[in-house]
C-alpha cells in the first residue's frame, strides 16, 4: 500500500514538473525571465556533451544552486575545493535565471549552465554525460528525479547549509518520496541543531551540524570589499541608510520615514538598491521619489559630484560592498516573500531593520535577540528606530561592535564541510 501511495505521489510530482514546463513556455512569450529560463535550456544535452569532451569534465564535482543567494552560500566551499586542488574540475548549475545570468562567467567553475528540468529522462541523461565524482546541493534543493538517479548510480551526494523545518514536505502525509529523497544524501550539513533533531525524527542519521557557510562568505567580502569611490564620496560625513534588495512596500515606508528624518537631520542620506532593476520598477521608484519631492541620482548617471541626498542603485553585483559605506541597513522583502541577506551589512557592523516576514532565517532571530536587528511594522516604527540611531552615536557604535562580533563568532562552516567531502 505504501509503495502504491509513493508511486501515485511520484506520478503527480512528475505531472507537476511537466505542467510547470508548459507554463514557463507560455510565460516566455511575454515574460523576459521566463524566456531566459526556457532559452537557456535549449539543446542542453548537445551542449553538455560538447563541453564535457572539450573541457574534459568527466568526474567533475557538480555544484547545484537554486539562485544567486544559494550560490553565495555554496561559494566558500567551491572556492576552498579549488584552492586546495586547482586541477579539480567544477560544474556549476542554476535553476533560476537570476543566478545564472549574473554568474555565467564565474571563473572558478569550468562550466556554468542551467539545470535541465527535473524529469526522469533528463536526470538520467545529465548524469550519463557528466558522470560527476560527487554532487553538492545547496540549502533547499530536493529535486526528486535527480536525487534518485544519483543514488541509483551510487554518486555521493551532499546537502550543505540546510535548515530543516517542520512545515516542509518531509513531515506531510504526502511526503514519502521527499523523505526517501532526503535519505539519499550521504551527509546533510545543517545550520542548526533543531534541523538535526528533525532529521532524526524522520529516522535519518546522516545529519551533521556545520553551521552556515554564508558567514564565511560575508567575512571574505568584509575583508576585501570592492572600493567604490563615488559611493564613498556620496557617503562622506553623513548618516547613510542603505535599503538592500528593497521591494515596493519597503520603499514606501522608508521614503516616508526618510522625509521626516531629513527635516530634522540634514546629514542623513539614503541609498536604495531595489531588488528588481528593470525599467518598469525603476520608473515606479522614480515616480515615488518625485511624489515626495525628493531629488535623487541614479547610479547609472555616473555623476562625479553628488548634490542630492538620495542615490538609487539601478545596477547589480556590488551591493555587498556598498554596505561598507553605510551607517544602518533596511533589508527588503520583510513585507513580501521574506527578507534578503542580513549578514552582508552586519559584517560591516551595520544595525539591520526589516519587516515581519523573517521567520525562515535563523540569523534574523539571532540579531533580534542581540539587539542588532529590529523588526518594524509601520513607517512610524521605522522612523522611531532610525531616529534612535541617528541621535545616539554611542548606541550606534555599541550595536556596530555587536554586529561584527556576531558574524565572526559564527565562522568555520566551510572547513567542517570540506573535511567531510574529502
Protein backbone atom coordinates (compact mmCIF):
# COMPACT_ATOMS: atom_id res chain seq x y z
CA UNK A 1 0.00 0.00 0.00
CA UNK A 2 2.83 2.39 0.92
CA UNK A 3 4.58 1.72 -2.38
CA UNK A 4 1.35 2.38 -4.25
CA UNK A 5 0.95 5.75 -2.49
CA UNK A 6 4.57 6.69 -3.24
CA UNK A 7 4.14 5.67 -6.86
CA UNK A 8 0.98 7.78 -7.15
CA UNK A 9 2.68 10.76 -5.48
CA UNK A 10 5.67 10.42 -7.82
CA UNK A 11 3.31 10.41 -10.77
CA UNK A 12 1.74 13.64 -9.51
CA UNK A 13 5.19 15.15 -8.91
CA UNK A 14 6.26 14.41 -12.48
CA UNK A 15 2.96 15.70 -13.79
CA UNK A 16 3.53 18.94 -11.88
CA UNK A 17 7.04 19.26 -13.34
CA UNK A 18 5.69 18.91 -16.87
CA UNK A 19 2.87 21.37 -16.18
CA UNK A 20 5.46 23.80 -14.83
CA UNK A 21 7.44 23.46 -18.06
CA UNK A 22 4.37 24.15 -20.19
CA UNK A 23 3.51 27.16 -18.05
CA UNK A 24 7.01 28.59 -18.45
CA UNK A 25 6.95 28.11 -22.21
CA UNK A 26 3.76 30.11 -22.35
CA UNK A 27 5.15 32.73 -19.94
CA UNK A 28 8.32 33.02 -22.05
CA UNK A 29 6.27 34.62 -24.82
CA UNK A 30 5.81 37.78 -22.75
CA UNK A 31 7.99 37.43 -19.64
CA UNK A 32 11.75 38.15 -20.02
CA UNK A 33 12.75 35.88 -17.12
CA UNK A 34 10.59 33.09 -18.45
CA UNK A 35 12.26 33.45 -21.84
CA UNK A 36 15.72 33.24 -20.27
CA UNK A 37 14.65 30.13 -18.35
CA UNK A 38 13.37 28.39 -21.49
CA UNK A 39 16.04 29.55 -23.96
CA UNK A 40 18.85 28.73 -21.55
CA UNK A 41 17.85 25.06 -21.56
CA UNK A 42 17.52 24.61 -25.30
CA UNK A 43 19.77 21.85 -26.71
CA UNK A 44 21.28 21.37 -23.27
CA UNK A 45 22.15 17.74 -23.97
CA UNK A 46 24.12 18.51 -27.14
CA UNK A 47 25.87 21.45 -25.48
CA UNK A 48 26.76 19.46 -22.36
CA UNK A 49 28.24 16.59 -24.40
CA UNK A 50 30.40 19.05 -26.29
CA UNK A 51 31.59 20.79 -23.13
CA UNK A 52 32.37 17.53 -21.34
CA UNK A 53 34.50 16.38 -24.27
CA UNK A 54 36.34 19.64 -24.96
CA UNK A 55 36.87 20.61 -21.31
CA UNK A 56 37.41 17.03 -20.05
CA UNK A 57 34.72 17.40 -17.42
CA UNK A 58 34.06 13.76 -16.60
CA UNK A 59 34.40 13.16 -12.85
CA UNK A 60 33.96 16.84 -12.08
CA UNK A 61 32.44 17.95 -8.80
CA UNK A 62 28.91 19.12 -9.52
CA UNK A 63 27.55 22.05 -7.51
CA UNK A 64 23.89 22.97 -7.83
CA UNK A 65 22.35 26.21 -6.54
CA UNK A 66 18.77 27.36 -6.98
CA UNK A 67 19.68 31.01 -7.46
CA UNK A 68 22.14 33.75 -6.54
CA UNK A 69 21.61 33.58 -2.79
CA UNK A 70 22.34 29.85 -2.68
CA UNK A 71 25.39 30.40 -4.87
CA UNK A 72 26.80 32.86 -2.36
CA UNK A 73 26.12 30.24 0.31
CA UNK A 74 27.91 27.46 -1.56
CA UNK A 75 30.66 29.66 -2.94
CA UNK A 76 33.08 29.38 0.02
CA UNK A 77 33.03 25.56 -0.24
CA UNK A 78 33.51 25.61 -4.01
CA UNK A 79 36.38 28.06 -3.76
CA UNK A 80 38.07 26.13 -0.97
CA UNK A 81 37.95 22.96 -3.09
CA UNK A 82 39.52 24.85 -5.99
CA UNK A 83 42.13 26.39 -3.70
CA UNK A 84 43.12 23.00 -2.29
CA UNK A 85 43.10 21.32 -5.71
CA UNK A 86 43.37 23.78 -8.63
CA UNK A 87 43.09 20.96 -11.18
CA UNK A 88 39.73 19.74 -9.88
CA UNK A 89 37.02 20.35 -12.48
CA UNK A 90 33.87 22.09 -11.24
CA UNK A 91 30.46 22.16 -12.93
CA UNK A 92 28.01 24.72 -11.54
CA UNK A 93 24.30 24.62 -12.32
CA UNK A 94 21.50 27.05 -11.55
CA UNK A 95 17.74 26.65 -11.59
CA UNK A 96 16.93 30.36 -11.81
CA UNK A 97 17.96 33.00 -14.39
CA UNK A 98 18.67 35.45 -11.55
CA UNK A 99 21.53 33.20 -10.50
CA UNK A 100 22.76 32.02 -13.88
CA UNK A 101 22.72 35.36 -15.69
CA UNK A 102 24.86 37.02 -13.03
CA UNK A 103 27.32 34.16 -12.54
CA UNK A 104 27.50 32.58 -16.00
CA UNK A 105 31.09 33.78 -16.38
CA UNK A 106 32.18 32.76 -12.88
CA UNK A 107 35.86 31.99 -13.36
CA UNK A 108 36.34 29.21 -10.80
CA UNK A 109 33.76 26.94 -12.40
CA UNK A 110 34.82 25.12 -15.56
CA UNK A 111 31.23 25.09 -16.77
CA UNK A 112 28.21 27.11 -15.67
CA UNK A 113 24.80 26.07 -17.03
CA UNK A 114 21.12 25.83 -16.26
CA UNK A 115 19.94 22.65 -14.56
CA UNK A 116 17.75 20.74 -17.02
CA UNK A 117 14.20 20.31 -15.78
CA UNK A 118 13.81 17.56 -13.18
CA UNK A 119 12.38 14.76 -15.31
CA UNK A 120 13.47 11.15 -15.05
CA UNK A 121 14.95 11.15 -18.55
CA UNK A 122 16.76 14.47 -18.07
CA UNK A 123 18.29 13.33 -14.80
CA UNK A 124 19.47 10.06 -16.36
CA UNK A 125 20.95 11.79 -19.42
CA UNK A 126 22.61 14.57 -17.43
CA UNK A 127 24.40 12.10 -15.15
CA UNK A 128 25.31 9.73 -18.00
CA UNK A 129 27.01 12.58 -19.87
CA UNK A 130 28.66 14.34 -16.94
CA UNK A 131 29.50 11.37 -14.69
CA UNK A 132 30.25 13.62 -11.68
CA UNK A 133 32.53 12.41 -8.93
CA UNK A 134 30.28 13.89 -6.27
CA UNK A 135 27.28 16.20 -6.21
CA UNK A 136 26.82 19.11 -3.79
CA UNK A 137 23.39 20.70 -3.44
CA UNK A 138 22.98 23.96 -1.52
CA UNK A 139 20.34 24.61 1.15
CA UNK A 140 16.88 23.77 -0.24
CA UNK A 141 17.39 21.58 -3.30
CA UNK A 142 15.25 18.45 -3.33
CA UNK A 143 14.80 17.53 -7.00
CA UNK A 144 13.46 14.01 -6.69
CA UNK A 145 14.42 12.56 -10.06
CA UNK A 146 17.98 13.85 -9.80
CA UNK A 147 18.40 12.58 -6.26
CA UNK A 148 17.03 9.13 -7.06
CA UNK A 149 19.24 8.94 -10.18
CA UNK A 150 22.33 9.97 -8.19
CA UNK A 151 21.52 7.34 -5.60
CA UNK A 152 21.00 4.64 -8.24
CA UNK A 153 24.37 5.46 -9.79
CA UNK A 154 25.98 5.49 -6.32
CA UNK A 155 27.31 9.02 -6.75
CA UNK A 156 27.94 10.53 -3.29
CA UNK A 157 25.61 13.47 -2.82
CA UNK A 158 25.79 16.14 -0.14
CA UNK A 159 23.42 18.84 1.06
CA UNK A 160 25.11 21.84 2.66
CA UNK A 161 23.98 24.78 4.79
CA UNK A 162 20.45 23.46 5.02
CA UNK A 163 17.71 24.18 7.51
CA UNK A 164 15.01 21.60 8.13
CA UNK A 165 11.65 22.98 9.24
CA UNK A 166 8.52 21.22 10.50
CA UNK A 167 6.37 22.80 7.75
CA UNK A 168 8.37 21.18 4.92
CA UNK A 169 7.07 18.36 2.74
CA UNK A 170 9.05 15.70 4.62
CA UNK A 171 6.59 15.95 7.51
CA UNK A 172 3.39 15.89 5.45
CA UNK A 173 1.22 12.86 4.74
CA UNK A 174 2.20 13.09 1.07
CA UNK A 175 5.91 13.50 1.81
CA UNK A 176 7.03 9.88 1.47
CA UNK A 177 9.07 10.45 -1.68
CA UNK A 178 10.63 13.58 -0.25
CA UNK A 179 11.66 11.63 2.85
CA UNK A 180 13.06 8.94 0.60
CA UNK A 181 14.99 11.57 -1.39
CA UNK A 182 16.32 13.15 1.80
CA UNK A 183 17.73 9.77 2.78
CA UNK A 184 19.80 9.61 -0.43
CA UNK A 185 22.22 12.30 0.74
CA UNK A 186 25.46 10.86 2.06
CA UNK A 187 25.73 13.75 4.52
CA UNK A 188 23.35 16.59 5.30
CA UNK A 189 25.24 19.57 6.76
CA UNK A 190 22.82 21.64 8.80
CA UNK A 191 22.91 25.19 10.04
CA UNK A 192 21.43 24.37 13.46
CA UNK A 193 20.75 21.61 15.98
CA UNK A 194 16.98 21.88 15.52
CA UNK A 195 17.45 20.58 11.98
CA UNK A 196 19.42 17.60 13.28
CA UNK A 197 16.64 16.74 15.72
CA UNK A 198 14.02 16.90 12.95
CA UNK A 199 16.15 14.72 10.68
CA UNK A 200 16.49 12.14 13.42
CA UNK A 201 12.73 12.19 13.94
CA UNK A 202 12.49 11.01 10.32
CA UNK A 203 14.99 8.23 11.01
CA UNK A 204 17.78 9.98 9.10
CA UNK A 205 21.14 9.70 10.85
CA UNK A 206 23.32 11.37 8.23
CA UNK A 207 22.91 14.91 9.53
CA UNK A 208 25.93 16.83 10.80
CA UNK A 209 25.98 20.27 12.39
CA UNK A 210 28.31 22.54 10.39
CA UNK A 211 26.76 26.00 10.59
CA UNK A 212 26.01 28.44 7.81
CA UNK A 213 28.66 28.99 5.13
CA UNK A 214 27.25 32.46 4.44
CA UNK A 215 29.13 33.70 7.48
CA UNK A 216 32.39 32.62 5.85
CA UNK A 217 31.33 34.25 2.60
CA UNK A 218 30.46 37.65 4.09
CA UNK A 219 33.69 37.60 6.08
CA UNK A 220 35.53 37.12 2.78
CA UNK A 221 33.71 40.12 1.35
CA UNK A 222 34.23 42.14 4.52
CA UNK A 223 37.97 41.54 4.47
CA UNK A 224 38.40 42.78 0.90
CA UNK A 225 35.33 44.70 -0.36
CA UNK A 226 35.27 46.46 -3.69
CA UNK A 227 36.34 50.08 -3.35
CA UNK A 228 33.64 52.32 -4.79
CA UNK A 229 34.99 55.86 -4.83
CA UNK A 230 31.75 57.50 -5.93
CA UNK A 231 29.78 55.79 -3.13
CA UNK A 232 32.49 56.75 -0.65
CA UNK A 233 32.27 60.38 -1.78
CA UNK A 234 28.46 60.35 -1.54
CA UNK A 235 28.58 58.92 1.99
CA UNK A 236 31.30 61.09 3.50
CA UNK A 237 30.41 62.80 6.80
CA UNK A 238 26.82 61.52 6.60
CA UNK A 239 24.49 59.10 8.34
CA UNK A 240 23.77 56.73 5.45
CA UNK A 241 20.75 54.44 5.39
CA UNK A 242 21.05 51.63 2.84
CA UNK A 243 17.92 49.89 1.60
CA UNK A 244 19.14 46.49 0.45
CA UNK A 245 17.09 44.50 -2.10
CA UNK A 246 14.03 46.63 -1.44
CA UNK A 247 10.52 45.94 -2.67
CA UNK A 248 7.67 48.40 -3.21
CA UNK A 249 6.24 48.24 0.32
CA UNK A 250 9.72 48.61 1.84
CA UNK A 251 10.39 51.69 -0.27
CA UNK A 252 7.06 53.32 0.57
CA UNK A 253 7.69 53.02 4.31
CA UNK A 254 11.32 54.01 4.09
CA UNK A 255 10.74 57.09 1.96
CA UNK A 256 8.02 58.32 4.33
CA UNK A 257 10.44 57.92 7.24
CA UNK A 258 13.31 59.47 5.33
CA UNK A 259 11.32 62.66 4.65
CA UNK A 260 10.58 63.09 8.36
CA UNK A 261 14.14 62.27 9.37
CA UNK A 262 15.74 64.53 6.78
CA UNK A 263 13.69 67.51 8.01
CA UNK A 264 15.39 67.24 11.41
CA UNK A 265 18.81 65.84 10.46
CA UNK A 266 20.44 67.36 7.39
CA UNK A 267 23.30 64.84 7.35
CA UNK A 268 21.02 61.85 6.65
CA UNK A 269 21.38 60.26 3.21
CA UNK A 270 19.66 57.32 1.58
CA UNK A 271 20.91 54.66 -0.83
CA UNK A 272 18.19 52.48 -2.35
CA UNK A 273 19.17 49.19 -4.01
CA UNK A 274 15.92 47.77 -5.46
CA UNK A 275 15.52 44.02 -5.73
CA UNK A 276 14.40 44.45 -9.34
CA UNK A 277 16.15 46.95 -11.59
CA UNK A 278 14.13 46.56 -14.76
CA UNK A 279 12.89 49.73 -16.47
CA UNK A 280 9.34 49.43 -15.12
CA UNK A 281 10.43 49.10 -11.49
CA UNK A 282 12.98 51.90 -11.67
CA UNK A 283 10.38 54.20 -13.22
CA UNK A 284 7.95 53.32 -10.42
CA UNK A 285 10.59 54.15 -7.82
CA UNK A 286 11.48 57.41 -9.54
CA UNK A 287 7.82 58.40 -9.52
CA UNK A 288 7.55 57.56 -5.83
CA UNK A 289 10.53 59.78 -5.01
CA UNK A 290 9.19 62.58 -7.17
CA UNK A 291 5.79 62.30 -5.48
CA UNK A 292 7.54 63.12 -2.18
CA UNK A 293 9.50 65.92 -3.89
CA UNK A 294 12.80 64.15 -3.29
CA UNK A 295 15.71 64.94 -5.58
CA UNK A 296 17.85 61.91 -6.38
CA UNK A 297 20.62 60.48 -8.53
CA UNK A 298 20.64 57.22 -10.46
CA UNK A 299 23.88 55.28 -10.18
CA UNK A 300 23.87 54.82 -13.95
CA UNK A 301 24.12 58.61 -14.41
CA UNK A 302 27.82 58.34 -13.46
CA UNK A 303 27.73 61.61 -11.53
CA UNK A 304 31.15 62.70 -10.30
CA UNK A 305 29.95 65.03 -7.55
CA UNK A 306 26.62 64.10 -5.96
CA UNK A 307 24.50 67.08 -4.97
CA UNK A 308 21.38 65.20 -3.85
CA UNK A 309 20.98 63.07 -0.72
CA UNK A 310 19.30 60.04 -2.32
CA UNK A 311 21.03 57.57 -4.62
CA UNK A 312 19.25 54.77 -6.50
CA UNK A 313 21.47 51.81 -7.39
CA UNK A 314 19.99 50.74 -10.71
CA UNK A 315 22.79 48.23 -11.21
CA UNK A 316 23.65 44.86 -9.71
CA UNK A 317 26.62 42.93 -8.42
CA UNK A 318 28.14 45.20 -5.79
CA UNK A 319 25.58 45.79 -3.02
CA UNK A 320 27.57 43.63 -0.61
CA UNK A 321 30.46 46.10 -0.92
CA UNK A 322 28.24 49.19 -0.77
CA UNK A 323 27.35 48.31 2.82
CA UNK A 324 30.85 49.31 3.96
CA UNK A 325 29.83 52.95 3.45
CA UNK A 326 26.57 52.74 5.39
CA UNK A 327 25.54 53.54 8.94
CA UNK A 328 22.42 51.35 9.06
CA UNK A 329 20.64 48.95 6.70
CA UNK A 330 16.97 48.41 5.98
CA UNK A 331 16.67 44.97 4.41
CA UNK A 332 13.95 44.42 1.85
CA UNK A 333 11.50 41.55 1.50
CA UNK A 334 10.08 41.61 5.01
CA UNK A 335 6.69 42.73 3.71
CA UNK A 336 6.78 40.27 0.81
CA UNK A 337 8.17 36.74 0.43
CA UNK A 338 10.85 37.04 3.08
CA UNK A 339 13.86 39.18 3.97
CA UNK A 340 17.02 39.18 1.94
CA UNK A 341 20.60 38.83 3.16
CA UNK A 342 21.12 40.48 6.55
CA UNK A 343 24.66 39.14 7.00
CA UNK A 344 26.15 41.29 4.24
CA UNK A 345 25.52 44.52 6.19
CA UNK A 346 26.18 43.08 9.67
CA UNK A 347 29.72 42.04 8.70
CA UNK A 348 30.42 45.77 8.33
CA UNK A 349 28.79 46.48 11.68
CA UNK A 350 25.50 47.90 10.43
CA UNK A 351 22.37 47.52 12.56
CA UNK A 352 19.63 45.95 10.42
CA UNK A 353 15.92 46.77 10.25
CA UNK A 354 13.38 44.63 8.39
CA UNK A 355 9.70 43.78 8.07
CA UNK A 356 7.81 40.96 9.79
CA UNK A 357 8.42 38.15 7.28
CA UNK A 358 11.76 36.89 8.65
CA UNK A 359 10.78 33.54 10.22
CA UNK A 360 12.67 31.37 7.72
CA UNK A 361 16.03 32.77 8.71
CA UNK A 362 17.91 31.69 11.83
CA UNK A 363 20.21 34.71 11.69
CA UNK A 364 17.20 37.04 11.92
CA UNK A 365 16.23 35.53 15.27
CA UNK A 366 19.87 35.81 16.38
CA UNK A 367 20.26 39.50 15.58
CA UNK A 368 16.90 40.36 17.12
CA UNK A 369 17.95 38.64 20.33
CA UNK A 370 21.28 40.51 20.31
CA UNK A 371 19.52 43.84 19.60
CA UNK A 372 21.46 44.18 16.38
CA UNK A 373 18.34 43.57 14.28
CA UNK A 374 14.93 45.19 14.69
CA UNK A 375 11.52 44.34 13.25
CA UNK A 376 9.39 47.24 12.07
CA UNK A 377 5.71 47.00 11.15
CA UNK A 378 4.98 50.57 10.06
CA UNK A 379 6.60 53.81 8.94
CA UNK A 380 6.13 55.17 12.48
CA UNK A 381 8.11 52.30 13.98
CA UNK A 382 10.74 52.66 11.27
CA UNK A 383 11.08 56.39 11.91
CA UNK A 384 11.45 55.77 15.64
CA UNK A 385 14.23 53.22 15.16
CA UNK A 386 16.07 55.35 12.62
CA UNK A 387 15.84 58.44 14.83
CA UNK A 388 17.20 56.48 17.77
CA UNK A 389 20.36 55.57 15.90
CA UNK A 390 20.81 58.97 14.26
CA UNK A 391 20.58 60.79 17.59
CA UNK A 392 22.56 58.35 19.76
CA UNK A 393 26.06 57.81 18.39
CA UNK A 394 27.11 55.66 21.36
CA UNK A 395 24.22 53.28 20.70
CA UNK A 396 25.25 53.05 17.04
CA UNK A 397 28.86 52.26 17.95
CA UNK A 398 27.89 49.63 20.52
CA UNK A 399 25.43 47.97 18.14
CA UNK A 400 28.02 48.02 15.37
CA UNK A 401 30.55 46.22 17.57
CA UNK A 402 27.96 43.56 18.48
CA UNK A 403 27.11 43.01 14.81
CA UNK A 404 30.73 42.43 13.82
CA UNK A 405 31.31 40.11 16.77
CA UNK A 406 28.21 38.07 15.91
CA UNK A 407 29.40 37.37 12.36
CA UNK A 408 32.94 36.47 13.42
CA UNK A 409 31.68 34.09 16.10
CA UNK A 410 29.78 32.00 13.53
CA UNK A 411 32.61 31.43 11.07
CA UNK A 412 34.03 28.00 10.22
CA UNK A 413 31.26 26.03 8.49
CA UNK A 414 33.21 25.79 5.24
CA UNK A 415 36.13 23.91 6.77
CA UNK A 416 33.83 21.45 8.52
CA UNK A 417 32.14 20.64 5.23
CA UNK A 418 35.40 20.39 3.26
CA UNK A 419 36.70 17.75 5.66
CA UNK A 420 33.58 15.66 5.04
CA UNK A 421 33.75 15.97 1.25
CA UNK A 422 37.24 14.52 1.01
